[in-house]
C-alpha atoms as a PDB file:
ATOM      1  CA  MET A   1      20.632  19.738 -30.303  1.00  0.00           C
ATOM      2  CA  TYR A   2      19.197  21.808 -27.479  1.00  0.00           C
ATOM      3  CA  THR A   3      20.942  22.295 -24.147  1.00  0.00           C
ATOM      4  CA  VAL A   4      19.401  21.119 -20.882  1.00  0.00           C
ATOM      5  CA  GLU A   5      18.618  24.738 -20.010  1.00  0.00           C
ATOM      6  CA  GLN A   6      16.853  25.330 -23.335  1.00  0.00           C
ATOM      7  CA  GLN A   7      14.792  22.137 -23.022  1.00  0.00           C
ATOM      8  CA  ASN A   8      13.816  22.807 -19.413  1.00  0.00           C
ATOM      9  CA  SER A   9      12.931  26.420 -20.174  1.00  0.00           C
ATOM     10  CA  VAL A  10      10.052  25.130 -22.309  1.00  0.00           C
ATOM     11  CA  CYS A  11       8.685  23.233 -19.289  1.00  0.00           C
ATOM     12  CA  MET A  12       9.356  26.174 -16.959  1.00  0.00           C
ATOM     13  CA  SER A  13       7.228  28.447 -19.106  1.00  0.00           C
ATOM     14  CA  CYS A  14       4.184  26.763 -17.509  1.00  0.00           C
ATOM     15  CA  HIS A  15       5.563  24.782 -14.564  1.00  0.00           C
ATOM     16  CA  LEU A  16       6.849  27.475 -12.241  1.00  0.00           C
ATOM     17  CA  PRO A  17      10.022  26.817 -10.227  1.00  0.00           C
ATOM     18  CA  GLU A  18       8.142  27.762  -7.052  1.00  0.00           C
ATOM     19  CA  GLN A  19       5.692  24.910  -7.670  1.00  0.00           C
ATOM     20  CA  LEU A  20       8.510  22.454  -8.226  1.00  0.00           C
ATOM     21  CA  GLN A  21      10.263  23.487  -5.023  1.00  0.00           C
ATOM     22  CA  LYS A  22       7.131  22.436  -3.118  1.00  0.00           C
ATOM     23  CA  ALA A  23       7.026  19.083  -4.906  1.00  0.00           C
ATOM     24  CA  PHE A  24       9.565  16.281  -4.964  1.00  0.00           C
ATOM     25  CA  TRP A  25      12.991  17.419  -3.796  1.00  0.00           C
ATOM     26  CA  PRO A  26      15.205  16.439  -6.795  1.00  0.00           C
ATOM     27  CA  HIS A  27      14.050  19.364  -8.931  1.00  0.00           C
ATOM     28  CA  ASP A  28      16.392  21.859  -7.242  1.00  0.00           C
ATOM     29  CA  VAL A  29      19.378  19.564  -7.645  1.00  0.00           C
ATOM     30  CA  HIS A  30      18.773  18.456 -11.221  1.00  0.00           C
ATOM     31  CA  VAL A  31      17.224  21.473 -12.953  1.00  0.00           C
ATOM     32  CA  THR A  32      20.480  22.588 -14.623  1.00  0.00           C
ATOM     33  CA  LYS A  33      21.934  19.130 -15.250  1.00  0.00           C
ATOM     34  CA  VAL A  34      19.104  16.859 -16.398  1.00  0.00           C
ATOM     35  CA  THR A  35      16.156  17.493 -18.694  1.00  0.00           C
ATOM     36  CA  CYS A  36      12.669  17.239 -17.221  1.00  0.00           C
ATOM     37  CA  ALA A  37      11.897  14.546 -19.816  1.00  0.00           C
ATOM     38  CA  SER A  38      14.696  12.376 -18.416  1.00  0.00           C
ATOM     39  CA  CYS A  39      12.402  11.476 -15.521  1.00  0.00           C
ATOM     40  CA  HIS A  40       8.955  12.670 -16.586  1.00  0.00           C
ATOM     41  CA  SER A  41       6.690  11.867 -19.523  1.00  0.00           C
ATOM     42  CA  LEU A  42       5.567  14.942 -21.373  1.00  0.00           C
ATOM     43  CA  HIS A  43       1.921  15.692 -20.601  1.00  0.00           C
ATOM     44  CA  PRO A  44       0.583  12.165 -20.034  1.00  0.00           C
ATOM     45  CA  GLN A  45      -2.807  11.434 -18.446  1.00  0.00           C
ATOM     46  CA  GLN A  46      -0.850  10.861 -15.241  1.00  0.00           C
ATOM     47  CA  ASP A  47       2.856  11.398 -14.689  1.00  0.00           C
ATOM     48  CA  THR A  48       4.681   8.086 -14.332  1.00  0.00           C
ATOM     49  CA  MET A  49       6.705   9.417 -11.388  1.00  0.00           C
ATOM     50  CA  GLN A  50       3.491   9.746  -9.375  1.00  0.00           C
ATOM     51  CA  THR A  51       2.407   6.179 -10.029  1.00  0.00           C
ATOM     52  CA  LEU A  52       5.764   4.470  -9.434  1.00  0.00           C
ATOM     53  CA  SER A  53       6.414   2.475  -6.306  1.00  0.00           C
ATOM     54  CA  GLU A  54       9.252   3.542  -4.020  1.00  0.00           C
ATOM     55  CA  LYS A  55      11.431   0.814  -5.569  1.00  0.00           C
ATOM     56  CA  GLY A  56      10.605   2.126  -9.054  1.00  0.00           C
ATOM     57  CA  ARG A  57      11.647   5.659  -8.091  1.00  0.00           C
ATOM     58  CA  ILE A  58      14.878   4.392  -6.579  1.00  0.00           C
ATOM     59  CA  LYS A  59      15.585   2.473  -9.817  1.00  0.00           C
ATOM     60  CA  ILE A  60      15.224   5.676 -11.845  1.00  0.00           C
ATOM     61  CA  CYS A  61      17.708   7.403  -9.537  1.00  0.00           C
ATOM     62  CA  VAL A  62      20.134   4.481  -9.679  1.00  0.00           C
ATOM     63  CA  ASP A  63      19.941   4.428 -13.475  1.00  0.00           C
ATOM     64  CA  CYS A  64      22.051   7.607 -13.385  1.00  0.00           C
ATOM     65  CA  HIS A  65      23.655   7.294  -9.975  1.00  0.00           C
ATOM     66  CA  SER A  66      25.008   3.802 -10.653  1.00  0.00           C
ATOM     67  CA  ASP A  67      27.979   4.334  -8.337  1.00  0.00           C
ATOM     68  CA  GLN A  68      25.495   4.091  -5.445  1.00  0.00           C
ATOM     69  CA  ARG A  69      24.411   0.626  -6.584  1.00  0.00           C
ATOM     70  CA  THR A  70      27.845  -0.794  -5.728  1.00  0.00           C
ATOM     71  CA  ASN A  71      28.311   1.204  -2.509  1.00  0.00           C
ATOM     72  CA  PRO A  72      27.718  -1.242   0.379  1.00  0.00           C
ATOM     73  CA  HIS A  73      27.002   1.664   2.762  1.00  0.00           C
ATOM     74  CA  PHE A  74      24.303   3.252   0.608  1.00  0.00           C
ATOM     75  CA  ASN A  75      20.801   2.883   1.969  1.00  0.00           C
ATOM     76  CA  PRO A  76      18.171   4.068  -0.559  1.00  0.00           C
ATOM     77  CA  ALA A  77      15.611   4.372   2.225  1.00  0.00           C
ATOM     78  CA  SER A  78      17.733   7.157   3.726  1.00  0.00           C
ATOM     79  CA  VAL A  79      17.161   9.399   0.688  1.00  0.00           C
ATOM     80  CA  PRO A  80      14.063  11.564   1.230  1.00  0.00           C
ATOM     81  CA  LEU A  81      11.628  11.343  -1.670  1.00  0.00           C
ATOM     82  CA  LEU A  82       9.663  14.405  -0.633  1.00  0.00           C
ATOM     83  CA  LYS A  83      11.014  17.802   0.234  1.00  0.00           C
ATOM     84  CA  GLU A  84      10.470  18.395   3.913  1.00  0.00           C
ATOM     85  CA  GLN A  85       7.810  20.956   4.624  1.00  0.00           C
ATOM     86  CA  PRO A  86       8.328  23.466   7.474  1.00  0.00           C
END
């Protein structure tokens, strides 16, 4: 069994961290804890994350962050889906 770091290093050999920092924000947070394949299909015609609706993306987050599902004060709309650009 490969570690998260070992699995992600295969992706990072082509997908540079600098590119990911400019893309969707979760990469910085999850890169050492979750494999890329946990959220992304490997080399599809089009990445499923790009075609999902906002509700679909929130569902993927809640699949792991289930404690937020039961938090009455959690507002998924308050979570930025894109990293803010300067």
